[in-house]
Amino acid sequence: MKKRAFSLRVDADTKALVDMMSERVRAMGRLLDDLIDISRLSQKKLNLRKENVRVKDILQRSIAAVNEFVIDKTHTCQLEVSDHSMAIFADPTRFEQIVVNLLKNAVKYSAQGSLVRIKAHRSGDRSVISIKDNGIGISKELIGRIFEPYVQADVKRAASGGTGLGIGLWLTRMLVEMHGGSISARSEGEGKGSEFILQFPIHESTPVAL
């Protein structure tokens, strides 16, 4: 007996609905992951597994991860690393989480087709990473509080999904500080984009293979 081949046709409206539901599920998953991390941090149960990691490698992996996240894939991430051998002593998973959180934030608050610039350079004994977008920017009133818990930019102006509890940047700051680093934010004001600057101590004791 011949087996019949069946094909399922999905119209554009159904596909759009499925895509939206899938993104909502992913957003809830990310939110739950953040809440679990916050709980671990508050109970001092979040341990870092540090090793010598090359900054360029983590930045490249983070960009690839964000490309999976951006459904429309209309944003462009431009990477510029002045020292390809520059390394820090970090937990590679958590270091990637820090960068991915900032990249997702840049995408979320930038219009489709926007450019996100990622630059990394050496400044003395510090590795400096800049993530800059041309999105909605940060107001003067908010810039000093952006890393506090439950503080959010104007989610109504977000280009994609104004979901979240305002804990992403708070969690990012805590992870950065656990690595002995620092994070700061700059913006010339609303509608003029944002820049987040990470600084970590450079690790020189073990050479990283190129």
Protein backbone atom coordinates (compact mmCIF):
# COMPACT_ATOMS: atom_id res chain seq x y z
CA MET A 1 0.00 0.00 0.00
CA LYS A 2 1.36 3.37 -0.97
CA LYS A 3 1.78 5.92 1.78
CA ARG A 4 0.21 9.26 1.10
CA ALA A 5 2.37 12.34 1.50
CA PHE A 6 0.72 15.12 3.41
CA SER A 7 1.77 18.76 3.35
CA LEU A 8 0.66 21.41 5.79
CA ARG A 9 0.13 24.88 4.44
CA VAL A 10 0.38 27.71 6.91
CA ASP A 11 -0.97 31.10 5.93
CA ALA A 12 0.88 34.33 6.72
CA ASP A 13 -1.38 35.28 9.64
CA THR A 14 -0.94 31.90 11.31
CA LYS A 15 2.82 32.02 10.85
CA ALA A 16 2.95 35.52 12.36
CA LEU A 17 0.92 34.31 15.35
CA VAL A 18 3.18 31.27 15.86
CA ASP A 19 6.29 33.47 15.62
CA MET A 20 4.85 35.89 18.17
CA MET A 21 3.92 33.07 20.58
CA SER A 22 7.36 31.50 20.18
CA GLU A 23 9.04 34.80 21.02
CA ARG A 24 6.81 35.23 24.08
CA VAL A 25 7.80 31.75 25.29
CA ARG A 26 11.50 32.56 24.76
CA ALA A 27 11.06 35.87 26.59
CA MET A 28 9.47 34.10 29.56
CA GLY A 29 12.28 31.56 29.55
CA ARG A 30 14.90 34.33 29.64
CA LEU A 31 13.01 36.07 32.44
CA LEU A 32 12.90 32.89 34.52
CA ASP A 33 16.63 32.33 33.94
CA ASP A 34 17.33 35.87 35.18
CA LEU A 35 15.16 35.36 38.27
CA ILE A 36 16.97 32.11 39.07
CA ASP A 37 20.33 33.86 38.72
CA ILE A 38 19.16 36.69 40.99
CA SER A 39 18.09 34.11 43.59
CA ARG A 40 21.45 32.35 43.39
CA LEU A 41 23.30 35.63 43.74
CA SER A 42 21.28 36.70 46.77
CA GLN A 43 22.01 33.35 48.42
CA LYS A 44 25.67 33.49 47.33
CA LYS A 45 25.23 30.22 45.45
CA LEU A 46 26.30 31.45 42.02
CA ASN A 47 29.85 30.25 41.47
CA LEU A 48 32.09 31.35 38.63
CA ARG A 49 34.25 28.86 36.74
CA LYS A 50 37.00 31.17 35.63
CA GLU A 51 39.60 30.47 32.98
CA ASN A 52 41.76 32.45 30.59
CA VAL A 53 39.42 33.53 27.78
CA ARG A 54 40.12 35.63 24.72
CA VAL A 55 37.84 38.66 24.51
CA LYS A 56 37.47 38.45 20.72
CA ASP A 57 36.17 34.85 20.91
CA ILE A 58 33.48 35.72 23.47
CA LEU A 59 32.36 38.76 21.50
CA GLN A 60 32.03 36.72 18.32
CA ARG A 61 30.03 34.01 20.11
CA SER A 62 27.79 36.64 21.70
CA ILE A 63 27.00 38.21 18.34
CA ALA A 64 26.14 34.78 16.94
CA ALA A 65 23.82 34.14 19.90
CA VAL A 66 22.03 37.45 19.39
CA ASN A 67 21.58 36.72 15.69
CA GLU A 68 19.56 33.67 16.77
CA PHE A 69 17.48 35.91 19.04
CA VAL A 70 16.65 38.57 16.45
CA ILE A 71 13.86 37.06 14.38
CA ASP A 72 13.79 39.71 11.65
CA LYS A 73 17.62 39.76 11.47
CA THR A 74 17.56 43.33 10.17
CA HIS A 75 20.02 44.69 12.73
CA THR A 76 23.73 44.76 11.97
CA CYS A 77 26.40 44.09 14.59
CA GLN A 78 29.79 45.55 13.71
CA LEU A 79 32.76 44.17 15.66
CA GLU A 80 36.14 45.89 16.00
CA VAL A 81 38.87 44.42 18.22
CA SER A 82 42.21 46.23 18.29
CA ASP A 83 44.12 43.45 20.11
CA HIS A 84 43.11 39.94 19.01
CA SER A 85 45.16 38.24 21.75
CA MET A 86 43.66 40.28 24.62
CA ALA A 87 42.36 37.95 27.34
CA ILE A 88 40.70 38.16 30.74
CA PHE A 89 40.26 35.66 33.58
CA ALA A 90 36.53 34.96 33.48
CA ASP A 91 33.76 32.40 33.45
CA PRO A 92 33.20 32.11 29.67
CA THR A 93 29.49 31.30 30.05
CA ARG A 94 28.83 34.24 32.36
CA PHE A 95 31.05 36.58 30.34
CA GLU A 96 29.03 35.70 27.25
CA GLN A 97 25.82 36.24 29.23
CA ILE A 98 26.98 39.77 30.12
CA VAL A 99 27.68 40.69 26.51
CA VAL A 100 24.52 39.02 25.15
CA ASN A 101 22.37 40.89 27.70
CA LEU A 102 23.79 44.21 26.51
CA LEU A 103 23.45 43.30 22.83
CA LYS A 104 19.84 42.23 23.30
CA ASN A 105 19.18 45.48 25.12
CA ALA A 106 20.65 47.43 22.18
CA VAL A 107 18.47 45.50 19.72
CA LYS A 108 15.36 45.88 21.85
CA TYR A 109 15.61 49.66 22.00
CA SER A 110 16.69 50.26 18.39
CA ALA A 111 14.54 50.41 15.27
CA GLN A 112 14.78 47.69 12.63
CA GLY A 113 17.80 48.08 10.41
CA SER A 114 19.87 49.73 13.14
CA LEU A 115 23.61 49.36 13.61
CA VAL A 116 25.13 48.11 16.86
CA ARG A 117 28.87 48.75 17.21
CA ILE A 118 30.99 46.53 19.46
CA LYS A 119 34.55 47.68 20.09
CA ALA A 120 37.26 46.24 22.32
CA HIS A 121 40.66 47.70 23.08
CA ARG A 122 43.39 47.65 25.70
CA SER A 123 43.76 50.59 28.08
CA GLY A 124 46.71 50.05 30.41
CA ASP A 125 45.97 46.89 32.37
CA ARG A 126 42.25 46.94 31.49
CA SER A 127 40.24 45.46 28.66
CA VAL A 128 37.61 47.98 27.55
CA ILE A 129 34.51 46.82 25.65
CA SER A 130 32.02 49.29 24.21
CA ILE A 131 28.55 48.39 22.94
CA LYS A 132 26.93 51.34 21.19
CA ASP A 133 23.56 51.62 19.44
CA ASN A 134 21.60 54.37 17.69
CA GLY A 135 18.33 53.60 19.45
CA ILE A 136 15.97 55.53 21.71
CA GLY A 137 18.71 56.62 24.13
CA ILE A 138 18.49 57.21 27.87
CA SER A 139 17.13 60.33 29.53
CA LYS A 140 19.27 62.36 31.95
CA GLU A 141 16.88 61.44 34.75
CA LEU A 142 17.36 57.72 34.11
CA ILE A 143 21.05 57.47 33.23
CA GLY A 144 22.18 57.47 36.87
CA ARG A 145 19.70 54.76 37.87
CA ILE A 146 19.83 52.43 34.86
CA PHE A 147 21.64 49.64 36.76
CA GLU A 148 19.28 49.70 39.75
CA PRO A 149 16.75 46.85 40.15
CA TYR A 150 13.36 47.22 38.43
CA VAL A 151 14.39 50.34 36.51
CA GLN A 152 13.47 50.33 32.82
CA ALA A 153 13.71 52.65 29.86
CA ASP A 154 10.49 53.62 28.09
CA VAL A 155 9.25 50.14 27.12
CA LYS A 156 6.47 51.66 25.01
CA ARG A 157 9.16 52.94 22.65
CA ALA A 158 11.02 49.64 22.51
CA ALA A 159 11.37 48.31 18.97
CA SER A 160 10.73 44.70 20.03
CA GLY A 161 8.81 43.39 22.98
CA GLY A 162 8.61 45.69 25.97
CA THR A 163 8.58 42.68 28.26
CA GLY A 164 10.72 42.25 31.33
CA LEU A 165 10.93 43.38 34.93
CA GLY A 166 13.88 45.74 34.69
CA ILE A 167 16.36 43.27 36.20
CA GLY A 168 18.50 42.56 33.13
CA LEU A 169 20.97 45.42 33.58
CA TRP A 170 20.97 44.94 37.35
CA LEU A 171 21.95 41.29 36.90
CA THR A 172 24.52 42.27 34.28
CA ARG A 173 26.15 44.75 36.69
CA MET A 174 26.37 42.12 39.43
CA LEU A 175 27.97 39.59 37.08
CA VAL A 176 30.46 42.21 35.89
CA GLU A 177 31.42 43.08 39.46
CA MET A 178 31.85 39.39 40.32
CA HIS A 179 34.56 39.36 37.65
CA GLY A 180 36.30 42.35 39.21
CA GLY A 181 35.08 44.60 36.41
CA SER A 182 32.96 47.71 36.05
CA ILE A 183 30.13 48.85 33.80
CA SER A 184 28.87 52.31 32.93
CA ALA A 185 26.34 53.84 30.55
CA ARG A 186 26.42 56.93 28.36
CA SER A 187 23.78 58.68 26.28
CA GLU A 188 23.39 62.16 24.87
CA GLY A 189 19.69 61.94 25.61
CA GLU A 190 16.46 60.52 24.27
CA GLY A 191 16.59 59.53 20.61
CA LYS A 192 20.40 59.74 20.49
CA GLY A 193 21.40 56.16 21.20
CA SER A 194 23.18 54.54 24.13
CA GLU A 195 26.64 53.23 24.90
CA PHE A 196 27.58 50.69 27.56
CA ILE A 197 31.23 50.38 28.58
CA LEU A 198 32.67 47.29 30.24
CA GLN A 199 36.11 47.20 31.84
CA PHE A 200 37.90 44.06 33.06
CA PRO A 201 41.43 43.41 34.30
CA ILE A 202 43.57 41.91 31.52
CA HIS A 203 44.94 38.46 32.28
CA GLU A 204 48.51 37.99 31.09
CA SER A 205 49.79 34.95 33.03
CA THR A 206 48.69 32.26 30.56
CA PRO A 207 49.05 32.92 26.83
CA VAL A 208 46.00 32.30 24.66
CA ALA A 209 46.56 30.40 21.40
CA LEU A 210 45.63 32.34 18.29
